[in-house]
């Protein structure tokens, strides 16, 4: 079976000043949803979104198209910044105030979607 994949580059920034920290406990928790899936999970709760519910778009978690950290820009000189490394899907991302992260993730596209515009016009949200 011929699968098509699309790379998404996500830029995340903690725009809070002071002591606010944002933690993404696992990259595995990033979800892409269609409008119908968004409506369903908004009505019934996003905790229902698990491996038993087949989503339209699924992140590739292993192999050459596994998630990658392209940049982790720190504003604190005491913390080192990361550039271009592979991530385990269970890795957490912690953003201190004004820090920026750029992730590269690949999603498997349904067979009937041939073009990037098909995917982008169908996808309603990316949940982190």
Foldseek 3Di string as FASTA:
>chain_A
DDWDKDKDKDKDWAADDDWDKDKDQFLQPKDWAFPVRVVVCVVVPPVPPDPVDDGQKHWDCDDPQHKWWQWKDDPDPVDDIDHTDGDHRRDMDMHGHGIMTIMMIMIIHDPVDDDPVSVVVGTDDIDD
